[in-house]
PDB file of all heavy atoms in Angstrom:
ATOM      1  N   GLU A   1     108.836  96.436 117.472  1.00  0.00           N
ATOM      2  CA  GLU A   1     107.689  97.172 118.134  1.00  0.00           C
ATOM      3  C   GLU A   1     106.452  97.044 117.331  1.00  0.00           C
ATOM      4  O   GLU A   1     105.320  97.096 117.940  1.00  0.00           O
ATOM      5  CB  GLU A   1     108.105  98.583 118.402  1.00  0.00           C
ATOM      6  CG  GLU A   1     109.234  98.769 119.424  1.00  0.00           C
ATOM      7  CD  GLU A   1     109.664 100.200 119.515  1.00  0.00           C
ATOM      8  OE1 GLU A   1     108.971 101.118 118.955  1.00  0.00           O
ATOM      9  OE2 GLU A   1     110.603 100.509 120.246  1.00  0.00           O
ATOM     10  N   SER A   2     106.564  96.968 116.038  1.00  0.00           N
ATOM     11  CA  SER A   2     105.337  96.940 115.152  1.00  0.00           C
ATOM     12  C   SER A   2     104.993  95.510 114.759  1.00  0.00           C
ATOM     13  O   SER A   2     104.123  95.313 113.867  1.00  0.00           O
ATOM     14  CB  SER A   2     105.647  97.799 113.898  1.00  0.00           C
ATOM     15  OG  SER A   2     105.933  99.099 114.261  1.00  0.00           O
ATOM     16  N   ALA A   3     105.583  94.469 115.361  1.00  0.00           N
ATOM     17  CA  ALA A   3     105.350  93.116 115.077  1.00  0.00           C
ATOM     18  C   ALA A   3     105.719  92.726 113.628  1.00  0.00           C
ATOM     19  O   ALA A   3     105.263  91.647 113.176  1.00  0.00           O
ATOM     20  CB  ALA A   3     103.887  92.749 115.375  1.00  0.00           C
ATOM     21  N   LEU A   4     106.570  93.515 113.040  1.00  0.00           N
ATOM     22  CA  LEU A   4     107.048  93.107 111.694  1.00  0.00           C
ATOM     23  C   LEU A   4     108.141  92.059 111.810  1.00  0.00           C
ATOM     24  O   LEU A   4     108.318  91.224 110.864  1.00  0.00           O
ATOM     25  CB  LEU A   4     107.568  94.373 110.961  1.00  0.00           C
ATOM     26  CG  LEU A   4     106.534  95.361 110.529  1.00  0.00           C
ATOM     27  CD1 LEU A   4     107.206  96.624 110.012  1.00  0.00           C
ATOM     28  CD2 LEU A   4     105.588  94.808 109.451  1.00  0.00           C
ATOM     29  N   VAL A   5     108.888  92.070 112.852  1.00  0.00           N
ATOM     30  CA  VAL A   5     109.924  91.044 113.112  1.00  0.00           C
ATOM     31  C   VAL A   5     109.816  90.614 114.543  1.00  0.00           C
ATOM     32  O   VAL A   5     109.221  91.256 115.353  1.00  0.00           O
ATOM     33  CB  VAL A   5     111.361  91.537 112.791  1.00  0.00           C
ATOM     34  CG1 VAL A   5     111.475  92.063 111.434  1.00  0.00           C
ATOM     35  CG2 VAL A   5     111.790  92.631 113.832  1.00  0.00           C
ATOM     36  N   THR A   6     110.386  89.421 114.811  1.00  0.00           N
ATOM     37  CA  THR A   6     110.462  88.966 116.180  1.00  0.00           C
ATOM     38  C   THR A   6     111.865  88.491 116.490  1.00  0.00           C
ATOM     39  O   THR A   6     112.622  87.984 115.614  1.00  0.00           O
ATOM     40  CB  THR A   6     109.416  87.830 116.374  1.00  0.00           C
ATOM     41  OG1 THR A   6     109.479  87.424 117.781  1.00  0.00           O
ATOM     42  CG2 THR A   6     109.764  86.617 115.504  1.00  0.00           C
ATOM     43  N   GLU A   7     112.290  88.578 117.736  1.00  0.00           N
ATOM     44  CA  GLU A   7     113.641  88.195 118.138  1.00  0.00           C
ATOM     45  C   GLU A   7     113.634  86.961 119.040  1.00  0.00           C
ATOM     46  O   GLU A   7     112.794  86.859 119.915  1.00  0.00           O
ATOM     47  CB  GLU A   7     114.302  89.396 118.917  1.00  0.00           C
ATOM     48  CG  GLU A   7     115.795  89.021 119.285  1.00  0.00           C
ATOM     49  CD  GLU A   7     116.379  90.142 120.234  1.00  0.00           C
ATOM     50  OE1 GLU A   7     115.615  90.972 120.721  1.00  0.00           O
ATOM     51  OE2 GLU A   7     117.557  90.047 120.412  1.00  0.00           O
ATOM     52  N   ASN A   8     114.538  86.061 118.717  1.00  0.00           N
ATOM     53  CA  ASN A   8     114.811  84.896 119.574  1.00  0.00           C
ATOM     54  C   ASN A   8     115.727  85.311 120.674  1.00  0.00           C
ATOM     55  O   ASN A   8     116.868  85.608 120.400  1.00  0.00           O
ATOM     56  CB  ASN A   8     115.336  83.742 118.802  1.00  0.00           C
ATOM     57  CG  ASN A   8     115.568  82.478 119.630  1.00  0.00           C
ATOM     58  OD1 ASN A   8     115.695  82.566 120.815  1.00  0.00           O
ATOM     59  ND2 ASN A   8     115.503  81.370 118.962  1.00  0.00           N
ATOM     60  N   PRO A   9     115.269  85.452 121.933  1.00  0.00           N
ATOM     61  CA  PRO A   9     116.127  85.980 122.979  1.00  0.00           C
ATOM     62  C   PRO A   9     117.339  85.101 123.324  1.00  0.00           C
ATOM     63  O   PRO A   9     118.263  85.521 123.967  1.00  0.00           O
ATOM     64  CB  PRO A   9     115.173  86.064 124.195  1.00  0.00           C
ATOM     65  CG  PRO A   9     114.079  85.117 123.911  1.00  0.00           C
ATOM     66  CD  PRO A   9     113.996  85.060 122.427  1.00  0.00           C
ATOM     67  N   ILE A  10     117.235  83.782 122.921  1.00  0.00           N
ATOM     68  CA  ILE A  10     118.294  82.873 123.255  1.00  0.00           C
ATOM     69  C   ILE A  10     119.573  83.123 122.339  1.00  0.00           C
ATOM     70  O   ILE A  10     120.674  83.256 122.813  1.00  0.00           O
ATOM     71  CB  ILE A  10     117.878  81.386 123.128  1.00  0.00           C
ATOM     72  CG1 ILE A  10     116.729  81.196 124.115  1.00  0.00           C
ATOM     73  CG2 ILE A  10     119.036  80.453 123.316  1.00  0.00           C
ATOM     74  CD1 ILE A  10     116.099  79.828 123.993  1.00  0.00           C
ATOM     75  N   ASN A  11     119.310  83.184 121.007  1.00  0.00           N
ATOM     76  CA  ASN A  11     120.461  83.312 120.120  1.00  0.00           C
ATOM     77  C   ASN A  11     120.571  84.717 119.473  1.00  0.00           C
ATOM     78  O   ASN A  11     121.375  84.895 118.610  1.00  0.00           O
ATOM     79  CB  ASN A  11     120.383  82.267 119.020  1.00  0.00           C
ATOM     80  CG  ASN A  11     119.095  82.316 118.217  1.00  0.00           C
ATOM     81  OD1 ASN A  11     118.378  83.295 118.232  1.00  0.00           O
ATOM     82  ND2 ASN A  11     118.834  81.242 117.477  1.00  0.00           N
ATOM     83  N   ARG A  12     119.599  85.594 119.840  1.00  0.00           N
ATOM     84  CA  ARG A  12     119.635  86.998 119.343  1.00  0.00           C
ATOM     85  C   ARG A  12     119.514  87.094 117.824  1.00  0.00           C
ATOM     86  O   ARG A  12     119.997  88.001 117.229  1.00  0.00           O
ATOM     87  CB  ARG A  12     120.882  87.746 119.748  1.00  0.00           C
ATOM     88  CG  ARG A  12     121.094  87.817 121.287  1.00  0.00           C
ATOM     89  CD  ARG A  12     120.032  88.631 121.946  1.00  0.00           C
ATOM     90  NE  ARG A  12     120.191  88.736 123.363  1.00  0.00           N
ATOM     91  CZ  ARG A  12     119.404  89.351 124.178  1.00  0.00           C
ATOM     92  NH1 ARG A  12     118.194  89.834 123.718  1.00  0.00           N
ATOM     93  NH2 ARG A  12     119.601  89.425 125.467  1.00  0.00           N
ATOM     94  N   ARG A  13     118.725  86.156 117.253  1.00  0.00           N
ATOM     95  CA  ARG A  13     118.464  86.192 115.840  1.00  0.00           C
ATOM     96  C   ARG A  13     117.107  86.575 115.601  1.00  0.00           C
ATOM     97  O   ARG A  13     116.206  86.422 116.429  1.00  0.00           O
ATOM     98  CB  ARG A  13     118.762  84.788 115.212  1.00  0.00           C
ATOM     99  CG  ARG A  13     120.184  84.330 115.412  1.00  0.00           C
ATOM    100  CD  ARG A  13     120.380  82.908 114.856  1.00  0.00           C
ATOM    101  NE  ARG A  13     120.519  82.860 113.386  1.00  0.00           N
ATOM    102  CZ  ARG A  13     121.637  83.033 112.750  1.00  0.00           C
ATOM    103  NH1 ARG A  13     122.760  83.348 113.310  1.00  0.00           N
ATOM    104  NH2 ARG A  13     121.673  82.977 111.414  1.00  0.00           N
ATOM    105  N   TYR A  14     116.870  87.224 114.425  1.00  0.00           N
ATOM    106  CA  TYR A  14     115.540  87.881 114.097  1.00  0.00           C
ATOM    107  C   TYR A  14     114.794  87.122 113.018  1.00  0.00           C
ATOM    108  O   TYR A  14     115.466  86.518 112.118  1.00  0.00           O
ATOM    109  CB  TYR A  14     115.772  89.303 113.732  1.00  0.00           C
ATOM    110  CG  TYR A  14     116.198  90.200 114.849  1.00  0.00           C
ATOM    111  CD1 TYR A  14     117.533  90.325 115.167  1.00  0.00           C
ATOM    112  CD2 TYR A  14     115.277  90.936 115.573  1.00  0.00           C
ATOM    113  CE1 TYR A  14     117.888  91.115 116.253  1.00  0.00           C
ATOM    114  CE2 TYR A  14     115.640  91.746 116.571  1.00  0.00           C
ATOM    115  CZ  TYR A  14     116.986  91.845 116.959  1.00  0.00           C
ATOM    116  OH  TYR A  14     117.350  92.627 117.975  1.00  0.00           O
ATOM    117  N   TYR A  15     113.465  87.093 113.085  1.00  0.00           N
ATOM    118  CA  TYR A  15     112.672  86.370 112.130  1.00  0.00           C
ATOM    119  C   TYR A  15     111.470  87.206 111.721  1.00  0.00           C
ATOM    120  O   TYR A  15     111.153  88.191 112.388  1.00  0.00           O
ATOM    121  CB  TYR A  15     112.200  85.033 112.764  1.00  0.00           C
ATOM    122  CG  TYR A  15     113.389  84.165 113.158  1.00  0.00           C
ATOM    123  CD1 TYR A  15     113.933  84.222 114.446  1.00  0.00           C
ATOM    124  CD2 TYR A  15     113.981  83.294 112.242  1.00  0.00           C
ATOM    125  CE1 TYR A  15     115.011  83.437 114.809  1.00  0.00           C
ATOM    126  CE2 TYR A  15     115.062  82.492 112.599  1.00  0.00           C
ATOM    127  CZ  TYR A  15     115.591  82.611 113.922  1.00  0.00           C
ATOM    128  OH  TYR A  15     116.656  81.831 114.262  1.00  0.00           O
ATOM    129  N   ILE A  16     110.843  86.777 110.595  1.00  0.00           N
ATOM    130  CA  ILE A  16     109.598  87.482 110.199  1.00  0.00           C
ATOM    131  C   ILE A  16     108.574  87.465 111.289  1.00  0.00           C
ATOM    132  O   ILE A  16     108.368  86.465 111.976  1.00  0.00           O
ATOM    133  CB  ILE A  16     109.015  86.773 108.948  1.00  0.00           C
ATOM    134  CG1 ILE A  16     110.021  86.942 107.779  1.00  0.00           C
ATOM    135  CG2 ILE A  16     107.679  87.368 108.598  1.00  0.00           C
ATOM    136  CD1 ILE A  16     110.219  88.372 107.278  1.00  0.00           C
ATOM    137  N   GLY A  17     107.933  88.573 111.520  1.00  0.00           N
ATOM    138  CA  GLY A  17     107.040  88.747 112.686  1.00  0.00           C
ATOM    139  C   GLY A  17     105.581  88.349 112.395  1.00  0.00           C
ATOM    140  O   GLY A  17     105.220  88.110 111.235  1.00  0.00           O
ATOM    141  N   PRO A  18     104.750  88.353 113.434  1.00  0.00           N
ATOM    142  CA  PRO A  18     103.372  87.871 113.278  1.00  0.00           C
ATOM    143  C   PRO A  18     102.510  88.787 112.407  1.00  0.00           C
ATOM    144  O   PRO A  18     101.538  88.319 111.817  1.00  0.00           O
ATOM    145  CB  PRO A  18     102.859  87.878 114.778  1.00  0.00           C
ATOM    146  CG  PRO A  18     103.795  88.817 115.514  1.00  0.00           C
ATOM    147  CD  PRO A  18     105.093  88.678 114.810  1.00  0.00           C
ATOM    148  N   LEU A  19     102.797  90.084 112.348  1.00  0.00           N
ATOM    149  CA  LEU A  19     101.975  90.934 111.447  1.00  0.00           C
ATOM    150  C   LEU A  19     102.133  90.551 110.031  1.00  0.00           C
ATOM    151  O   LEU A  19     101.099  90.436 109.355  1.00  0.00           O
ATOM    152  CB  LEU A  19     102.379  92.408 111.688  1.00  0.00           C
ATOM    153  CG  LEU A  19     101.651  93.441 110.762  1.00  0.00           C
ATOM    154  CD1 LEU A  19     100.158  93.361 110.975  1.00  0.00           C
ATOM    155  CD2 LEU A  19     102.182  94.842 111.013  1.00  0.00           C
ATOM    156  N   ILE A  20     103.316  90.285 109.572  1.00  0.00           N
ATOM    157  CA  ILE A  20     103.562  89.867 108.196  1.00  0.00           C
ATOM    158  C   ILE A  20     102.897  88.497 107.936  1.00  0.00           C
ATOM    159  O   ILE A  20     102.377  88.249 106.885  1.00  0.00           O
ATOM    160  CB  ILE A  20     105.034  89.868 107.844  1.00  0.00           C
ATOM    161  CG1 ILE A  20     105.530  91.277 107.847  1.00  0.00           C
ATOM    162  CG2 ILE A  20     105.319  89.212 106.486  1.00  0.00           C
ATOM    163  CD1 ILE A  20     107.044  91.414 107.521  1.00  0.00           C
ATOM    164  N   THR A  21     102.969  87.656 108.925  1.00  0.00           N
ATOM    165  CA  THR A  21     102.314  86.281 108.805  1.00  0.00           C
ATOM    166  C   THR A  21     100.819  86.433 108.614  1.00  0.00           C
ATOM    167  O   THR A  21     100.219  85.798 107.800  1.00  0.00           O
ATOM    168  CB  THR A  21     102.625  85.448 110.029  1.00  0.00           C
ATOM    169  OG1 THR A  21     104.091  85.316 110.214  1.00  0.00           O
ATOM    170  CG2 THR A  21     101.990  84.050 109.921  1.00  0.00           C
ATOM    171  N   ARG A  22     100.172  87.349 109.414  1.00  0.00           N
ATOM    172  CA  ARG A  22      98.759  87.586 109.273  1.00  0.00           C
ATOM    173  C   ARG A  22      98.385  88.141 107.932  1.00  0.00           C
ATOM    174  O   ARG A  22      97.388  87.795 107.287  1.00  0.00           O
ATOM    175  CB  ARG A  22      98.251  88.547 110.353  1.00  0.00           C
ATOM    176  CG  ARG A  22      98.255  87.878 111.766  1.00  0.00           C
ATOM    177  CD  ARG A  22      97.233  88.669 112.641  1.00  0.00           C
ATOM    178  NE  ARG A  22      97.520  90.027 112.745  1.00  0.00           N
ATOM    179  CZ  ARG A  22      98.337  90.567 113.740  1.00  0.00           C
ATOM    180  NH1 ARG A  22      98.975  89.666 114.564  1.00  0.00           N
ATOM    181  NH2 ARG A  22      98.598  91.841 113.724  1.00  0.00           N
ATOM    182  N   LEU A  23      99.247  89.068 107.393  1.00  0.00           N
ATOM    183  CA  LEU A  23      98.963  89.650 106.111  1.00  0.00           C
ATOM    184  C   LEU A  23      99.131  88.559 105.021  1.00  0.00           C
ATOM    185  O   LEU A  23      98.370  88.591 104.049  1.00  0.00           O
ATOM    186  CB  LEU A  23     100.021  90.771 105.842  1.00  0.00           C
ATOM    187  CG  LEU A  23      99.804  92.089 106.623  1.00  0.00           C
ATOM    188  CD1 LEU A  23     100.989  93.037 106.378  1.00  0.00           C
ATOM    189  CD2 LEU A  23      98.454  92.767 106.283  1.00  0.00           C
ATOM    190  N   ALA A  24     100.075  87.665 105.211  1.00  0.00           N
ATOM    191  CA  ALA A  24     100.334  86.669 104.185  1.00  0.00           C
ATOM    192  C   ALA A  24      99.181  85.626 104.108  1.00  0.00           C
ATOM    193  O   ALA A  24      99.029  84.921 103.063  1.00  0.00           O
ATOM    194  CB  ALA A  24     101.631  85.943 104.462  1.00  0.00           C
ATOM    195  N   THR A  25      98.390  85.541 105.129  1.00  0.00           N
ATOM    196  CA  THR A  25      97.248  84.557 105.063  1.00  0.00           C
ATOM    197  C   THR A  25      96.085  85.122 104.319  1.00  0.00           C
ATOM    198  O   THR A  25      95.115  84.402 104.060  1.00  0.00           O
ATOM    199  CB  THR A  25      96.790  84.211 106.514  1.00  0.00           C
ATOM    200  OG1 THR A  25      96.323  85.432 107.147  1.00  0.00           O
ATOM    201  CG2 THR A  25      97.896  83.589 107.322  1.00  0.00           C
ATOM    202  N   ASN A  26      96.148  86.391 103.910  1.00  0.00           N
ATOM    203  CA  ASN A  26      95.057  87.000 103.063  1.00  0.00           C
ATOM    204  C   ASN A  26      95.652  87.268 101.708  1.00  0.00           C
ATOM    205  O   ASN A  26      96.167  88.352 101.491  1.00  0.00           O
ATOM    206  CB  ASN A  26      94.517  88.189 103.742  1.00  0.00           C
ATOM    207  CG  ASN A  26      93.311  88.780 103.025  1.00  0.00           C
ATOM    208  OD1 ASN A  26      93.073  88.492 101.846  1.00  0.00           O
ATOM    209  ND2 ASN A  26      92.557  89.615 103.702  1.00  0.00           N
ATOM    210  N   PRO A  27      95.479  86.395 100.728  1.00  0.00           N
ATOM    211  CA  PRO A  27      96.133  86.544  99.419  1.00  0.00           C
ATOM    212  C   PRO A  27      95.659  87.771  98.765  1.00  0.00           C
ATOM    213  O   PRO A  27      96.375  88.474  98.016  1.00  0.00           O
ATOM    214  CB  PRO A  27      95.638  85.339  98.646  1.00  0.00           C
ATOM    215  CG  PRO A  27      95.364  84.282  99.695  1.00  0.00           C
ATOM    216  CD  PRO A  27      94.804  85.102 100.866  1.00  0.00           C
ATOM    217  N   VAL A  28      94.334  88.184  98.966  1.00  0.00           N
ATOM    218  CA  VAL A  28      93.847  89.352  98.222  1.00  0.00           C
ATOM    219  C   VAL A  28      94.559  90.611  98.713  1.00  0.00           C
ATOM    220  O   VAL A  28      94.954  91.484  97.935  1.00  0.00           O
ATOM    221  CB  VAL A  28      92.309  89.521  98.543  1.00  0.00           C
ATOM    222  CG1 VAL A  28      91.786  90.852  97.836  1.00  0.00           C
ATOM    223  CG2 VAL A  28      91.566  88.264  97.900  1.00  0.00           C
ATOM    224  N   THR A  29      94.779  90.742 100.069  1.00  0.00           N
ATOM    225  CA  THR A  29      95.493  91.866 100.575  1.00  0.00           C
ATOM    226  C   THR A  29      96.949  91.900 100.066  1.00  0.00           C
ATOM    227  O   THR A  29      97.438  92.914  99.676  1.00  0.00           O
ATOM    228  CB  THR A  29      95.532  91.811 102.147  1.00  0.00           C
ATOM    229  OG1 THR A  29      94.166  91.869 102.598  1.00  0.00           O
ATOM    230  CG2 THR A  29      96.296  92.974 102.687  1.00  0.00           C
ATOM    231  N   MET A  30      97.583  90.723 100.032  1.00  0.00           N
ATOM    232  CA  MET A  30      98.974  90.636  99.639  1.00  0.00           C
ATOM    233  C   MET A  30      99.147  91.022  98.172  1.00  0.00           C
ATOM    234  O   MET A  30     100.185  91.498  97.763  1.00  0.00           O
ATOM    235  CB  MET A  30      99.502  89.244  99.822  1.00  0.00           C
ATOM    236  CG  MET A  30      99.692  88.857 101.310  1.00  0.00           C
ATOM    237  SD  MET A  30     101.028  89.813 102.051  1.00  0.00           S
ATOM    238  CE  MET A  30     102.409  89.104 101.207  1.00  0.00           C
ATOM    239  N   HIS A  31      98.072  90.819  97.336  1.00  0.00           N
ATOM    240  CA  HIS A  31      98.241  91.100  95.901  1.00  0.00           C
ATOM    241  C   HIS A  31      97.379  92.303  95.445  1.00  0.00           C
ATOM    242  O   HIS A  31      97.030  92.393  94.267  1.00  0.00           O
ATOM    243  CB  HIS A  31      97.758  89.823  95.148  1.00  0.00           C
ATOM    244  CG  HIS A  31      98.646  88.616  95.523  1.00  0.00           C
ATOM    245  ND1 HIS A  31      99.866  88.401  95.008  1.00  0.00           N
ATOM    246  CD2 HIS A  31      98.451  87.613  96.407  1.00  0.00           C
ATOM    247  CE1 HIS A  31     100.356  87.269  95.523  1.00  0.00           C
ATOM    248  NE2 HIS A  31      99.475  86.797  96.395  1.00  0.00           N
ATOM    249  N   GLU A  32      97.124  93.209  96.422  1.00  0.00           N
ATOM    250  CA  GLU A  32      96.289  94.374  96.035  1.00  0.00           C
ATOM    251  C   GLU A  32      96.970  95.201  94.961  1.00  0.00           C
ATOM    252  O   GLU A  32      96.281  95.756  94.044  1.00  0.00           O
ATOM    253  CB  GLU A  32      96.048  95.238  97.347  1.00  0.00           C
ATOM    254  CG  GLU A  32      95.157  96.407  97.092  1.00  0.00           C
ATOM    255  CD  GLU A  32      93.755  96.038  96.733  1.00  0.00           C
ATOM    256  OE1 GLU A  32      93.266  95.012  97.250  1.00  0.00           O
ATOM    257  OE2 GLU A  32      93.119  96.747  95.939  1.00  0.00           O
ATOM    258  N   TYR A  33      98.301  95.297  94.998  1.00  0.00           N
ATOM    259  CA  TYR A  33      99.009  96.148  94.001  1.00  0.00           C
ATOM    260  C   TYR A  33      98.871  95.493  92.588  1.00  0.00           C
ATOM    261  O   TYR A  33      98.878  96.169  91.583  1.00  0.00           O
ATOM    262  CB  TYR A  33     100.432  96.356  94.384  1.00  0.00           C
ATOM    263  CG  TYR A  33     101.286  95.180  94.504  1.00  0.00           C
ATOM    264  CD1 TYR A  33     102.140  94.794  93.452  1.00  0.00           C
ATOM    265  CD2 TYR A  33     101.283  94.410  95.681  1.00  0.00           C
ATOM    266  CE1 TYR A  33     102.975  93.698  93.649  1.00  0.00           C
ATOM    267  CE2 TYR A  33     102.098  93.303  95.811  1.00  0.00           C
ATOM    268  CZ  TYR A  33     102.951  92.960  94.770  1.00  0.00           C
ATOM    269  OH  TYR A  33     103.736  91.887  94.872  1.00  0.00           O
TER     270      TYR A  33
END
C-alpha cells in the first residue's frame, strides 16, 4: 500500500517497490545517516 513492495499477480511473488527505487536514485538521501 505504501509502494515499498510490489506483487507479481501471476506468480504471487513480491519485489522491491517503486518508492525504494526512487529513493535509491538519490545517493545523498540514501546516505543521509
